[in-house]
Amino acid sequence: MVLYEAGFRQVRVRHHGELARIEVPPSDLPRFFSDGINVLITSRLKAIGFRHVTLDLQGYRSGSLNEGLSAAIASAGTPGMSARRVLPVVNVS
């Protein structure tokens, strides 16, 4: 993949429909914008069908996909919270 070819060894691309969200370690964020790497990566990801390409400014972190879910569960179960979140139940069968 183009990110590996550009020297990023710890990287993840999340697929959100037409959007690709790139995660690299925070220490690699500045390098992402050096030497036109961001332009190359964007063009390659768009060439395979992504309409939008984004870079997660918090960087690569283990378990980041579950952060929103964990926060929703925590606030829903906290007594005295005025705004409770309710997670939808989706039947996929």
C-alpha atoms as a PDB file:
ATOM      1  CA  MET A   1       0.000   0.000   0.000  1.00  0.00           C
ATOM      2  CA  VAL A   2       1.070   3.560  -0.636  1.00  0.00           C
ATOM      3  CA  LEU A   3       1.371   4.383   3.077  1.00  0.00           C
ATOM      4  CA  TYR A   4       3.791   1.517   3.650  1.00  0.00           C
ATOM      5  CA  GLU A   5       5.742   2.518   0.529  1.00  0.00           C
ATOM      6  CA  ALA A   6       6.008   6.044   1.995  1.00  0.00           C
ATOM      7  CA  GLY A   7       7.690   4.624   5.100  1.00  0.00           C
ATOM      8  CA  PHE A   8       4.771   4.495   7.544  1.00  0.00           C
ATOM      9  CA  ARG A   9       5.099   1.229   9.453  1.00  0.00           C
ATOM     10  CA  GLN A  10       2.269   1.602  11.949  1.00  0.00           C
ATOM     11  CA  VAL A  11      -0.753   2.765  10.010  1.00  0.00           C
ATOM     12  CA  ARG A  12      -4.442   2.087   9.695  1.00  0.00           C
ATOM     13  CA  VAL A  13      -7.004   3.249   7.144  1.00  0.00           C
ATOM     14  CA  ARG A  14     -10.600   3.158   8.317  1.00  0.00           C
ATOM     15  CA  HIS A  15     -13.262   2.792   5.657  1.00  0.00           C
ATOM     16  CA  HIS A  16     -16.340   4.974   6.261  1.00  0.00           C
ATOM     17  CA  GLY A  17     -18.254   4.605   3.015  1.00  0.00           C
ATOM     18  CA  GLU A  18     -16.736   7.115   0.584  1.00  0.00           C
ATOM     19  CA  LEU A  19     -14.356   8.413   3.263  1.00  0.00           C
ATOM     20  CA  ALA A  20     -10.937   6.983   4.139  1.00  0.00           C
ATOM     21  CA  ARG A  21      -9.649   8.000   7.590  1.00  0.00           C
ATOM     22  CA  ILE A  22      -5.893   7.530   7.916  1.00  0.00           C
ATOM     23  CA  GLU A  23      -4.340   6.913  11.325  1.00  0.00           C
ATOM     24  CA  VAL A  24      -0.576   7.149  11.849  1.00  0.00           C
ATOM     25  CA  PRO A  25       1.255   7.533  15.178  1.00  0.00           C
ATOM     26  CA  PRO A  26       1.237  11.130  16.480  1.00  0.00           C
ATOM     27  CA  SER A  27       5.012  11.293  15.982  1.00  0.00           C
ATOM     28  CA  ASP A  28       4.493  10.637  12.234  1.00  0.00           C
ATOM     29  CA  LEU A  29       1.872  13.358  11.697  1.00  0.00           C
ATOM     30  CA  PRO A  30       4.383  16.064  10.624  1.00  0.00           C
ATOM     31  CA  ARG A  31       6.086  13.672   8.180  1.00  0.00           C
ATOM     32  CA  PHE A  32       2.729  13.012   6.515  1.00  0.00           C
ATOM     33  CA  PHE A  33       2.856  16.549   5.075  1.00  0.00           C
ATOM     34  CA  SER A  34       6.500  16.516   3.995  1.00  0.00           C
ATOM     35  CA  ASP A  35       7.741  16.044   0.447  1.00  0.00           C
ATOM     36  CA  GLY A  36       4.224  15.859  -1.027  1.00  0.00           C
ATOM     37  CA  ILE A  37       3.470  12.549   0.704  1.00  0.00           C
ATOM     38  CA  ASN A  38      -0.065  13.722   1.547  1.00  0.00           C
ATOM     39  CA  VAL A  39      -0.765  14.531  -2.121  1.00  0.00           C
ATOM     40  CA  LEU A  40       0.506  11.129  -3.280  1.00  0.00           C
ATOM     41  CA  ILE A  41      -1.500   9.225  -0.657  1.00  0.00           C
ATOM     42  CA  THR A  42      -4.655  11.222  -1.364  1.00  0.00           C
ATOM     43  CA  SER A  43      -4.444  10.635  -5.108  1.00  0.00           C
ATOM     44  CA  ARG A  44      -3.839   6.895  -4.685  1.00  0.00           C
ATOM     45  CA  LEU A  45      -6.764   6.467  -2.277  1.00  0.00           C
ATOM     46  CA  LYS A  46      -9.069   8.481  -4.529  1.00  0.00           C
ATOM     47  CA  ALA A  47      -7.961   6.347  -7.488  1.00  0.00           C
ATOM     48  CA  ILE A  48      -9.361   3.259  -5.753  1.00  0.00           C
ATOM     49  CA  GLY A  49     -12.709   4.900  -5.110  1.00  0.00           C
ATOM     50  CA  PHE A  50     -12.590   7.030  -1.981  1.00  0.00           C
ATOM     51  CA  ARG A  51     -14.214  10.416  -2.463  1.00  0.00           C
ATOM     52  CA  HIS A  52     -12.756  11.956   0.704  1.00  0.00           C
ATOM     53  CA  VAL A  53      -9.434  11.247   2.420  1.00  0.00           C
ATOM     54  CA  THR A  54      -8.854  12.455   5.985  1.00  0.00           C
ATOM     55  CA  LEU A  55      -6.080  12.225   8.544  1.00  0.00           C
ATOM     56  CA  ASP A  56      -7.017  11.527  12.172  1.00  0.00           C
ATOM     57  CA  LEU A  57      -5.333  14.368  14.064  1.00  0.00           C
ATOM     58  CA  GLN A  58      -5.232  12.322  17.267  1.00  0.00           C
ATOM     59  CA  GLY A  59      -3.105   9.756  15.484  1.00  0.00           C
ATOM     60  CA  TYR A  60      -3.063   5.982  15.616  1.00  0.00           C
ATOM     61  CA  ARG A  61      -4.147   4.607  18.962  1.00  0.00           C
ATOM     62  CA  SER A  62      -5.236   1.141  19.902  1.00  0.00           C
ATOM     63  CA  GLY A  63      -8.953   0.830  20.614  1.00  0.00           C
ATOM     64  CA  SER A  64      -9.875   4.190  19.064  1.00  0.00           C
ATOM     65  CA  LEU A  65     -12.903   2.742  17.276  1.00  0.00           C
ATOM     66  CA  ASN A  66     -14.423   1.837  20.636  1.00  0.00           C
ATOM     67  CA  GLU A  67     -13.954   5.297  22.209  1.00  0.00           C
ATOM     68  CA  GLY A  68     -17.370   6.586  21.132  1.00  0.00           C
ATOM     69  CA  LEU A  69     -19.082   3.396  22.202  1.00  0.00           C
ATOM     70  CA  SER A  70     -17.373   3.375  25.605  1.00  0.00           C
ATOM     71  CA  ALA A  71     -18.328   7.016  26.228  1.00  0.00           C
ATOM     72  CA  ALA A  72     -21.943   6.355  25.282  1.00  0.00           C
ATOM     73  CA  ILE A  73     -22.171   3.350  27.591  1.00  0.00           C
ATOM     74  CA  ALA A  74     -20.517   5.243  30.446  1.00  0.00           C
ATOM     75  CA  SER A  75     -22.811   8.279  30.186  1.00  0.00           C
ATOM     76  CA  ALA A  76     -25.934   6.143  29.808  1.00  0.00           C
ATOM     77  CA  GLY A  77     -25.109   4.271  32.994  1.00  0.00           C
ATOM     78  CA  THR A  78     -24.149   7.268  35.122  1.00  0.00           C
ATOM     79  CA  PRO A  79     -26.844   8.325  37.602  1.00  0.00           C
ATOM     80  CA  GLY A  80     -27.699  12.007  37.529  1.00  0.00           C
ATOM     81  CA  MET A  81     -26.657  12.560  33.932  1.00  0.00           C
ATOM     82  CA  SER A  82     -29.144  14.931  32.324  1.00  0.00           C
ATOM     83  CA  ALA A  83     -28.430  13.909  28.737  1.00  0.00           C
ATOM     84  CA  ARG A  84     -28.425  10.138  28.411  1.00  0.00           C
ATOM     85  CA  ARG A  85     -27.375   8.429  25.244  1.00  0.00           C
ATOM     86  CA  VAL A  86     -29.288   5.456  24.012  1.00  0.00           C
ATOM     87  CA  LEU A  87     -27.583   3.080  21.623  1.00  0.00           C
ATOM     88  CA  PRO A  88     -29.751   1.883  18.745  1.00  0.00           C
ATOM     89  CA  VAL A  89     -30.451  -1.795  18.305  1.00  0.00           C
ATOM     90  CA  VAL A  90     -29.958  -2.875  14.731  1.00  0.00           C
ATOM     91  CA  ASN A  91     -31.156  -6.203  13.383  1.00  0.00           C
ATOM     92  CA  VAL A  92     -28.744  -7.325  10.659  1.00  0.00           C
ATOM     93  CA  SER A  93     -30.365 -10.656   9.834  1.00  0.00           C
END
